[in-house]
Amino acid sequence: MTMALFTISASAVAQNFWQTATIPGVNKTINALTVDGSGNVYAATNGKGLFRSSDGGTSWLRIDSTRSDPSYDYCVVINGASVWVGTYLGNAWHSTDNGSSWNKVLIDSSAGSIITSFAYLPNGHILASTGANGMFVSADGGTTWDQVQIAGSIGSNLFQIINDEKGFLYVATYGSGIYRSSPENLIWDYTGLAGSRINGFAVNPQGGLFAATDAGVFKDSTVIDSVGTEKVDNVDKTIYDTTVAWRNVQSTLQTSGDTLLHLAFVSSVISTPGGHLLASTVGRGVFHSSNLGVTWDNVNTGIVGSDIRTLALDASGYVYCGSVTGAVYKSTQPEPMQSIGPSQTVTPPAPKAYVLEQNYPNPFNPTTNIPFAMPVAGHASIKIYNTLGEVVATVLDQEMTAGPHTVRWDASFVPSGIYFYRFQSGSFSRSGKLVLLK
């Protein structure tokens, strides 16, 4: 049995997917929508204030008037009774009474550093990400903050921090990719998508972690454990790898509805407890998937315009979306909250032809991922060649199932330069170019 957010029928379309829940007088971007445990909906706007609705979007109350810097709020994060608001001015505001009163919190003393997200650690510490100066941590409930020293190329432009279902922390960056850390040590490891703007994450209880990017929705996936052999001092070395990789959910799959989601600027993605996904885009409206991203449908009836900035879900299953014009919408029906059970698990269909995609990241140092897809099961090989045509590594040489796959090449043992990778299966053969920069 396949579930959908709604039964997409002529009668459902006629009554619209969305109904207006617009905040009177607001005509600027809705930067964030968040719902607390009591069902209160919070809307952060770009210059028009912070609002709360206690009746599902029917009426709204402005709740930031007592603050010294109202209006320009970027994010709203709820943790129990705590409401945290990050602003464009480098300040944060904390409330423990649903926004009736606020305490100003100085996280980053540098002027103009946007506070983009908050996350709680198991030990009670709080993380805050900024748009210019990296990450900060508080060990005393938000009274004082220390900058987190981050090694490597994670960068300073951070958009969101999230905990996945296994307890790992992920951080979204502007151009530096996605990084993961254990909450115990805050040591961040690169997991992919360098060069992309990562706008946010959704933890799906049935299908792992999804990322909203400027080039579509990506899903984390683990490359196969054994990825063949590599020459080390003229000796074949078996390579094992379980590093997380990211794959565009529609790069090689057939779609229903709008086939260009994988090219869209996806501003946010959310997951329901039942495992459904919704993605908002700038320019293409809202998409919905009931099968873990295998197929997507536009769900825009009732929305004026197509530039959607943010999404939120309440405990009853109603979905909210906010636009760049200040409009807020609420779904006309609740999303079914039951899980996609084992009998409903969706297996992505095999592509209709062999596919070899461009490796990512590229250029890289020292590891890169090579995505490919097979329409039928069979033997597959991927070999790496230098500019002299010599094989320097065998990344894959084994039987593979039909469907999309990703393998990883660790180029630690070869010098910088241009290399070529060749995928072969049956009579199909195709090559791509890699650039290793050390």
Protein backbone atom coordinates (compact mmCIF):
# COMPACT_ATOMS: atom_id res chain seq x y z
CA MET A 1 0.00 0.00 0.00
CA THR A 2 1.39 3.41 -0.97
CA MET A 3 0.53 6.43 1.12
CA ALA A 4 0.39 9.99 -0.09
CA LEU A 5 -0.04 13.27 1.65
CA PHE A 6 -3.40 13.47 -0.09
CA THR A 7 -5.10 11.33 -2.65
CA ILE A 8 -4.28 13.44 -5.68
CA SER A 9 -7.62 13.27 -7.42
CA ALA A 10 -9.71 15.75 -9.36
CA SER A 11 -11.82 16.47 -6.29
CA ALA A 12 -8.75 17.02 -4.07
CA VAL A 13 -7.15 19.35 -6.58
CA ALA A 14 -10.42 21.25 -6.92
CA GLN A 15 -10.47 22.01 -3.19
CA ASN A 16 -6.78 23.00 -3.26
CA PHE A 17 -3.83 21.49 -1.49
CA TRP A 18 -3.23 24.70 0.48
CA GLN A 19 -5.36 27.28 2.29
CA THR A 20 -4.22 30.74 3.32
CA ALA A 21 -2.96 31.36 6.85
CA THR A 22 -1.42 34.70 6.01
CA ILE A 23 -0.25 37.17 8.64
CA PRO A 24 -2.01 40.52 8.09
CA GLY A 25 0.33 43.32 7.02
CA VAL A 26 3.32 41.07 6.32
CA ASN A 27 4.72 41.38 2.79
CA LYS A 28 8.34 40.39 3.39
CA THR A 29 10.02 36.98 3.30
CA ILE A 30 8.96 34.38 5.86
CA ASN A 31 12.42 33.20 6.86
CA ALA A 32 11.34 30.41 9.20
CA LEU A 33 8.25 28.57 10.43
CA THR A 34 8.43 26.42 13.57
CA VAL A 35 5.82 24.60 15.68
CA ASP A 36 6.28 23.92 19.39
CA GLY A 37 4.97 21.00 21.42
CA SER A 38 1.78 22.86 22.33
CA GLY A 39 0.89 23.51 18.71
CA ASN A 40 1.92 27.16 18.63
CA VAL A 41 3.20 28.19 15.20
CA TYR A 42 6.04 30.75 15.05
CA ALA A 43 6.83 32.81 11.96
CA ALA A 44 10.09 34.75 11.64
CA THR A 45 10.00 37.48 9.00
CA ASN A 46 12.53 39.60 7.20
CA GLY A 47 11.72 43.03 8.60
CA LYS A 48 8.12 42.64 9.72
CA GLY A 49 8.54 41.01 13.11
CA LEU A 50 8.12 37.67 14.87
CA PHE A 51 4.61 36.24 15.10
CA ARG A 52 2.88 33.40 16.95
CA SER A 53 -0.38 31.64 16.16
CA SER A 54 -2.12 29.52 18.79
CA ASP A 55 -5.04 28.50 16.56
CA GLY A 56 -3.39 26.82 13.58
CA GLY A 57 -2.74 29.95 11.56
CA THR A 58 -6.20 31.51 11.83
CA SER A 59 -4.92 34.51 13.78
CA TRP A 60 -1.46 35.82 14.58
CA LEU A 61 0.05 37.84 17.42
CA ARG A 62 3.26 39.81 17.08
CA ILE A 63 5.52 38.85 20.00
CA ASP A 64 8.79 40.72 19.48
CA SER A 65 7.67 44.28 20.22
CA THR A 66 9.42 44.39 23.62
CA ARG A 67 12.80 43.50 22.14
CA SER A 68 15.44 46.14 21.42
CA ASP A 69 16.05 44.85 17.88
CA PRO A 70 12.73 43.49 16.60
CA SER A 71 11.78 42.65 13.02
CA TYR A 72 14.77 40.93 11.38
CA ASP A 73 14.71 37.30 12.52
CA TYR A 74 16.36 34.45 10.62
CA CYS A 75 15.56 31.28 12.55
CA VAL A 76 13.33 29.98 15.35
CA VAL A 77 14.34 26.80 17.18
CA ILE A 78 12.23 25.11 19.86
CA ASN A 79 13.60 22.83 22.57
CA GLY A 80 11.03 21.95 25.20
CA ALA A 81 9.98 25.19 26.88
CA SER A 82 12.86 27.16 25.32
CA VAL A 83 12.34 29.28 22.23
CA TRP A 84 15.53 30.49 20.56
CA VAL A 85 15.51 33.17 17.86
CA GLY A 86 18.53 34.05 15.73
CA THR A 87 18.66 37.45 14.07
CA TYR A 88 20.42 39.13 11.17
CA LEU A 89 22.16 41.47 13.63
CA GLY A 90 24.29 38.86 15.40
CA ASN A 91 22.06 38.65 18.47
CA ALA A 92 19.96 35.81 19.80
CA TRP A 93 16.82 36.00 21.90
CA HIS A 94 15.66 33.39 24.36
CA SER A 95 12.16 32.92 25.79
CA THR A 96 10.72 30.39 28.21
CA ASP A 97 7.10 31.60 28.05
CA ASN A 98 6.17 31.17 24.38
CA GLY A 99 7.56 34.56 23.42
CA SER A 100 5.74 36.74 25.94
CA SER A 101 9.11 37.91 27.32
CA TRP A 102 12.64 37.74 25.95
CA ASN A 103 16.23 37.70 27.17
CA LYS A 104 18.88 39.08 24.82
CA VAL A 105 21.88 36.80 24.31
CA LEU A 106 25.12 37.93 22.68
CA ILE A 107 26.61 34.96 20.87
CA ASP A 108 28.97 36.55 18.36
CA SER A 109 30.40 39.99 19.08
CA SER A 110 31.21 40.56 15.39
CA ALA A 111 28.70 42.92 13.85
CA GLY A 112 26.49 41.60 11.08
CA SER A 113 26.98 37.88 11.68
CA ILE A 114 23.61 36.18 11.18
CA ILE A 115 22.63 33.57 13.78
CA THR A 116 21.38 30.79 11.52
CA SER A 117 20.60 27.77 13.74
CA PHE A 118 20.69 26.16 17.19
CA ALA A 119 21.10 22.55 18.30
CA TYR A 120 21.14 20.84 21.70
CA LEU A 121 23.76 18.25 22.65
CA PRO A 122 23.06 15.24 24.90
CA ASN A 123 25.06 16.86 27.71
CA GLY A 124 22.80 19.93 27.64
CA HIS A 125 25.25 22.18 25.85
CA ILE A 126 23.86 24.37 23.05
CA LEU A 127 25.41 24.92 19.63
CA ALA A 128 24.77 28.00 17.52
CA SER A 129 25.78 28.42 13.89
CA THR A 130 26.46 31.76 12.24
CA GLY A 131 26.56 33.05 8.70
CA ALA A 132 30.01 34.57 8.93
CA ASN A 133 32.01 33.34 11.93
CA GLY A 134 31.44 29.62 12.23
CA MET A 135 30.07 27.87 15.30
CA PHE A 136 29.68 28.69 19.00
CA VAL A 137 28.90 26.54 22.04
CA SER A 138 27.36 27.34 25.41
CA ALA A 139 27.77 25.16 28.49
CA ASP A 140 25.58 27.25 30.78
CA GLY A 141 22.20 27.33 29.08
CA GLY A 142 23.06 30.16 26.73
CA THR A 143 24.48 32.73 29.15
CA THR A 144 28.03 32.64 27.75
CA TRP A 145 29.34 31.36 24.42
CA ASP A 146 32.72 30.17 23.15
CA GLN A 147 33.71 29.82 19.53
CA VAL A 148 34.22 26.23 18.40
CA GLN A 149 37.62 25.76 16.82
CA ILE A 150 37.06 23.86 13.59
CA ALA A 151 40.01 22.54 11.60
CA GLY A 152 39.99 21.99 7.87
CA SER A 153 37.84 23.57 5.17
CA ILE A 154 34.43 23.62 6.87
CA GLY A 155 34.37 27.40 6.38
CA SER A 156 32.61 30.06 8.41
CA ASN A 157 29.29 30.34 6.54
CA LEU A 158 27.01 27.84 8.29
CA PHE A 159 23.28 27.45 7.70
CA GLN A 160 21.94 24.69 9.95
CA ILE A 161 22.97 22.15 12.59
CA ILE A 162 20.86 19.03 13.05
CA ASN A 163 20.94 15.75 15.01
CA ASP A 164 20.19 12.62 13.00
CA GLU A 165 18.39 9.54 14.29
CA LYS A 166 21.70 7.96 15.35
CA GLY A 167 22.80 10.99 17.37
CA PHE A 168 25.36 12.36 14.93
CA LEU A 169 25.52 16.10 14.29
CA TYR A 170 25.46 17.46 10.75
CA VAL A 171 26.22 21.03 9.71
CA ALA A 172 25.16 22.65 6.44
CA THR A 173 27.53 25.18 4.87
CA TYR A 174 27.62 27.70 2.06
CA GLY A 175 29.98 26.15 -0.49
CA SER A 176 32.04 23.91 1.78
CA GLY A 177 29.72 20.91 1.78
CA ILE A 178 28.25 18.86 4.62
CA TYR A 179 30.16 17.87 7.74
CA ARG A 180 29.39 15.30 10.42
CA SER A 181 30.52 14.98 14.04
CA SER A 182 29.96 12.91 17.11
CA PRO A 183 28.32 15.13 19.77
CA GLU A 184 30.99 14.08 22.26
CA ASN A 185 34.03 15.61 20.56
CA LEU A 186 32.82 18.14 17.94
CA ILE A 187 35.44 16.91 15.47
CA TRP A 188 33.92 17.51 12.04
CA ASP A 189 34.45 15.16 9.09
CA TYR A 190 33.61 16.15 5.52
CA THR A 191 30.90 13.97 3.94
CA GLY A 192 30.38 15.57 0.53
CA LEU A 193 28.70 18.21 -1.67
CA ALA A 194 31.49 20.79 -1.65
CA GLY A 195 30.63 23.68 -3.93
CA SER A 196 26.92 23.50 -3.13
CA ARG A 197 24.86 25.75 -0.92
CA ILE A 198 23.30 23.47 1.70
CA ASN A 199 20.12 25.11 2.96
CA GLY A 200 19.00 22.53 5.52
CA PHE A 201 18.26 18.93 6.45
CA ALA A 202 15.40 16.57 7.16
CA VAL A 203 15.73 13.39 9.23
CA ASN A 204 13.43 10.76 7.74
CA PRO A 205 12.53 7.86 10.07
CA GLN A 206 12.29 5.47 7.12
CA GLY A 207 15.06 6.69 4.86
CA GLY A 208 17.86 8.49 6.68
CA LEU A 209 18.99 12.07 6.15
CA PHE A 210 18.01 14.36 3.26
CA ALA A 211 19.60 17.70 2.36
CA ALA A 212 18.08 20.72 0.62
CA THR A 213 20.61 22.30 -1.76
CA ASP A 214 20.83 24.81 -4.57
CA ALA A 215 20.78 21.88 -7.00
CA GLY A 216 17.97 19.68 -5.70
CA VAL A 217 17.40 17.26 -2.82
CA PHE A 218 20.22 14.89 -1.87
CA LYS A 219 20.05 11.74 0.26
CA ASP A 220 22.87 10.30 2.30
CA SER A 221 23.98 6.83 1.26
CA THR A 222 26.83 4.59 2.25
CA VAL A 223 29.18 3.34 -0.40
CA ILE A 224 29.75 -0.42 -0.60
CA ASP A 225 32.08 -1.88 2.00
CA SER A 226 34.58 -3.39 -0.41
CA VAL A 227 35.57 -1.17 -3.30
CA GLY A 228 38.20 -3.35 -4.99
CA THR A 229 41.97 -2.96 -4.94
CA GLU A 230 44.53 -0.21 -5.24
CA LYS A 231 48.26 -0.36 -5.98
CA VAL A 232 50.37 0.51 -2.92
CA ASP A 233 54.12 0.01 -3.45
CA ASN A 234 53.24 -2.31 -6.38
CA VAL A 235 51.09 -4.47 -4.11
CA ASP A 236 47.33 -4.84 -4.58
CA LYS A 237 45.63 -3.44 -1.48
CA THR A 238 41.98 -4.20 -0.78
CA ILE A 239 40.00 -1.04 -0.07
CA TYR A 240 37.11 -1.06 2.38
CA ASP A 241 34.90 1.94 2.86
CA THR A 242 31.65 2.84 4.60
CA THR A 243 31.95 6.63 4.31
CA VAL A 244 28.70 8.55 3.90
CA ALA A 245 28.13 9.90 0.39
CA TRP A 246 25.36 12.11 -0.96
CA ARG A 247 23.26 11.43 -4.03
CA ASN A 248 20.72 13.58 -5.83
CA VAL A 249 17.45 11.72 -5.29
CA GLN A 250 16.42 12.17 -8.91
CA SER A 251 19.68 12.19 -10.83
CA THR A 252 19.08 8.83 -12.51
CA LEU A 253 15.52 7.95 -11.52
CA GLN A 254 12.26 8.33 -13.36
CA THR A 255 9.95 10.97 -11.89
CA SER A 256 6.30 11.81 -11.85
CA GLY A 257 5.05 15.36 -11.95
CA ASP A 258 7.75 17.98 -12.42
CA THR A 259 10.95 16.34 -13.67
CA LEU A 260 13.21 19.27 -12.84
CA LEU A 261 13.29 19.01 -9.04
CA HIS A 262 16.90 17.84 -9.21
CA LEU A 263 17.82 21.17 -10.82
CA ALA A 264 15.81 23.40 -8.49
CA PHE A 265 17.01 25.67 -5.69
CA VAL A 266 15.52 23.78 -2.75
CA SER A 267 15.12 26.16 0.17
CA SER A 268 13.99 23.60 2.75
CA VAL A 269 13.02 19.97 3.16
CA ILE A 270 10.99 18.36 5.95
CA SER A 271 10.03 14.80 6.83
CA THR A 272 6.88 13.58 8.52
CA PRO A 273 6.77 10.85 11.18
CA GLY A 274 5.18 8.67 8.50
CA GLY A 275 8.25 9.01 6.29
CA HIS A 276 6.83 11.41 3.69
CA LEU A 277 8.98 14.24 2.34
CA LEU A 278 8.11 17.79 1.33
CA ALA A 279 10.53 20.17 -0.38
CA SER A 280 10.08 23.89 -0.91
CA THR A 281 11.79 25.60 -3.83
CA VAL A 282 12.49 29.07 -5.09
CA GLY A 283 10.72 29.23 -8.43
CA ARG A 284 8.94 25.87 -8.55
CA GLY A 285 6.76 25.82 -5.45
CA VAL A 286 6.39 22.77 -3.20
CA PHE A 287 7.02 19.10 -3.99
CA HIS A 288 5.81 16.01 -2.15
CA SER A 289 7.14 12.44 -2.11
CA SER A 290 5.54 9.46 -0.40
CA ASN A 291 8.27 7.00 -1.43
CA LEU A 292 11.51 8.38 0.04
CA GLY A 293 12.25 10.63 -2.90
CA VAL A 294 11.85 8.10 -5.71
CA THR A 295 9.10 10.22 -7.28
CA TRP A 296 7.86 13.73 -6.55
CA ASP A 297 4.69 15.65 -7.35
CA ASN A 298 4.07 19.38 -7.43
CA VAL A 299 1.54 20.33 -4.74
CA ASN A 300 0.95 24.00 -5.46
CA THR A 301 -2.81 24.38 -5.77
CA GLY A 302 -3.91 27.22 -3.54
CA ILE A 303 -0.53 28.94 -3.51
CA VAL A 304 -0.04 32.30 -5.21
CA GLY A 305 3.48 32.43 -6.62
CA SER A 306 6.16 29.76 -6.61
CA ASP A 307 8.96 31.15 -4.40
CA ILE A 308 8.62 29.22 -1.13
CA ARG A 309 11.20 29.82 1.60
CA THR A 310 10.32 27.48 4.48
CA LEU A 311 8.18 24.53 5.63
CA ALA A 312 6.94 23.27 9.01
CA LEU A 313 4.76 20.43 10.33
CA ASP A 314 2.51 20.42 13.40
CA ALA A 315 1.68 17.48 15.66
CA SER A 316 -1.65 16.89 13.91
CA GLY A 317 0.00 16.46 10.53
CA TYR A 318 -0.82 19.85 9.00
CA VAL A 319 1.94 21.35 6.87
CA TYR A 320 2.75 25.07 6.77
CA CYS A 321 4.75 26.94 4.15
CA GLY A 322 6.01 30.51 4.00
CA SER A 323 6.83 32.47 0.84
CA VAL A 324 9.24 35.23 -0.09
CA THR A 325 6.25 37.57 -0.46
CA GLY A 326 5.23 37.11 3.18
CA ALA A 327 2.34 34.72 2.54
CA VAL A 328 1.77 31.75 4.86
CA TYR A 329 -0.22 28.70 3.78
CA LYS A 330 -1.52 25.64 5.63
CA SER A 331 -2.42 22.30 4.08
CA THR A 332 -6.16 21.70 3.81
CA GLN A 333 -5.81 18.17 5.15
CA PRO A 334 -3.42 16.63 7.68
CA GLU A 335 -0.66 14.32 6.56
CA PRO A 336 -1.20 10.66 7.64
CA MET A 337 1.09 10.19 10.62
CA GLN A 338 1.50 6.40 10.50
CA SER A 339 4.80 5.04 9.30
CA ILE A 340 5.59 3.49 5.97
CA GLY A 341 5.70 -0.07 7.25
CA PRO A 342 7.90 -2.88 5.96
CA SER A 343 5.23 -3.90 3.47
CA GLN A 344 5.23 -0.37 2.11
CA THR A 345 8.97 0.15 1.77
CA VAL A 346 9.74 1.44 -1.69
CA THR A 347 12.64 0.11 -3.72
CA PRO A 348 13.90 2.68 -6.24
CA PRO A 349 13.28 1.51 -9.80
CA ALA A 350 16.29 0.56 -11.88
CA PRO A 351 17.21 3.12 -14.52
CA LYS A 352 16.38 2.34 -18.13
CA ALA A 353 20.00 2.60 -19.28
CA TYR A 354 23.55 2.50 -17.94
CA VAL A 355 24.62 5.79 -16.38
CA LEU A 356 28.02 7.11 -15.33
CA GLU A 357 27.88 10.44 -13.53
CA GLN A 358 30.54 13.04 -12.82
CA ASN A 359 32.53 12.31 -9.70
CA TYR A 360 32.07 14.59 -6.70
CA PRO A 361 33.72 16.56 -5.31
CA ASN A 362 35.85 17.48 -8.30
CA PRO A 363 38.54 18.76 -7.92
CA PHE A 364 39.16 16.69 -4.78
CA ASN A 365 41.71 15.78 -2.13
CA PRO A 366 42.18 12.95 -1.41
CA THR A 367 38.83 11.15 -1.81
CA THR A 368 36.03 11.41 -4.33
CA ASN A 369 32.78 9.58 -5.06
CA ILE A 370 31.84 8.08 -8.42
CA PRO A 371 28.09 7.52 -8.97
CA PHE A 372 26.82 5.07 -11.57
CA ALA A 373 23.66 3.11 -12.31
CA MET A 374 22.85 -0.22 -13.97
CA PRO A 375 19.56 -1.22 -15.63
CA VAL A 376 20.26 -4.92 -14.97
CA ALA A 377 22.42 -6.89 -12.57
CA GLY A 378 25.82 -7.92 -13.83
CA HIS A 379 29.56 -7.59 -13.53
CA ALA A 380 30.87 -4.05 -13.29
CA SER A 381 34.31 -2.48 -13.10
CA ILE A 382 35.62 1.02 -12.55
CA LYS A 383 39.31 1.67 -13.15
CA ILE A 384 41.38 4.81 -12.74
CA TYR A 385 43.93 5.78 -15.43
CA ASN A 386 46.68 8.39 -15.52
CA THR A 387 47.34 10.59 -18.57
CA LEU A 388 49.68 7.89 -19.96
CA GLY A 389 46.82 5.41 -20.08
CA GLU A 390 48.20 3.34 -17.20
CA VAL A 391 45.85 1.80 -14.63
CA VAL A 392 46.65 3.29 -11.23
CA ALA A 393 43.70 1.86 -9.28
CA THR A 394 40.84 -0.61 -9.61
CA VAL A 395 37.98 0.89 -7.63
CA LEU A 396 35.35 -1.71 -8.46
CA ASP A 397 35.50 -5.21 -9.95
CA GLN A 398 32.56 -7.39 -8.91
CA GLU A 399 28.95 -8.39 -9.51
CA MET A 400 26.46 -5.58 -8.86
CA THR A 401 22.70 -5.41 -8.56
CA ALA A 402 20.54 -3.28 -10.83
CA GLY A 403 20.01 0.29 -9.66
CA PRO A 404 22.05 3.31 -8.58
CA HIS A 405 25.40 2.85 -6.80
CA THR A 406 28.29 4.97 -5.58
CA VAL A 407 31.92 3.95 -5.04
CA ARG A 408 34.70 5.98 -3.49
CA TRP A 409 38.30 6.37 -4.60
CA ASP A 410 41.00 7.27 -2.09
CA ALA A 411 43.82 8.89 -4.06
CA SER A 412 46.19 9.29 -1.12
CA PHE A 413 48.87 7.23 -2.84
CA VAL A 414 49.05 9.03 -6.20
CA PRO A 415 50.35 12.52 -7.02
CA SER A 416 48.24 15.52 -7.96
CA GLY A 417 47.11 15.66 -11.54
CA ILE A 418 44.43 14.75 -14.05
CA TYR A 419 43.07 11.22 -14.03
CA PHE A 420 40.34 9.36 -15.89
CA TYR A 421 37.84 6.83 -14.60
CA ARG A 422 36.23 4.19 -16.83
CA PHE A 423 33.03 2.33 -15.98
CA GLN A 424 32.41 -0.92 -17.86
CA SER A 425 29.57 -3.43 -17.61
CA GLY A 426 28.78 -5.82 -20.42
CA SER A 427 29.18 -3.96 -23.70
CA PHE A 428 28.71 -0.56 -22.04
CA SER A 429 31.78 1.58 -21.41
CA ARG A 430 32.06 5.23 -20.49
CA SER A 431 34.76 7.48 -19.02
CA GLY A 432 35.03 10.68 -16.98
CA LYS A 433 37.81 13.02 -15.86
CA LEU A 434 38.97 13.63 -12.29
CA VAL A 435 41.22 16.39 -10.99
CA LEU A 436 43.27 15.63 -7.88
CA LEU A 437 44.66 18.71 -6.10
CA LYS A 438 46.89 18.09 -3.09
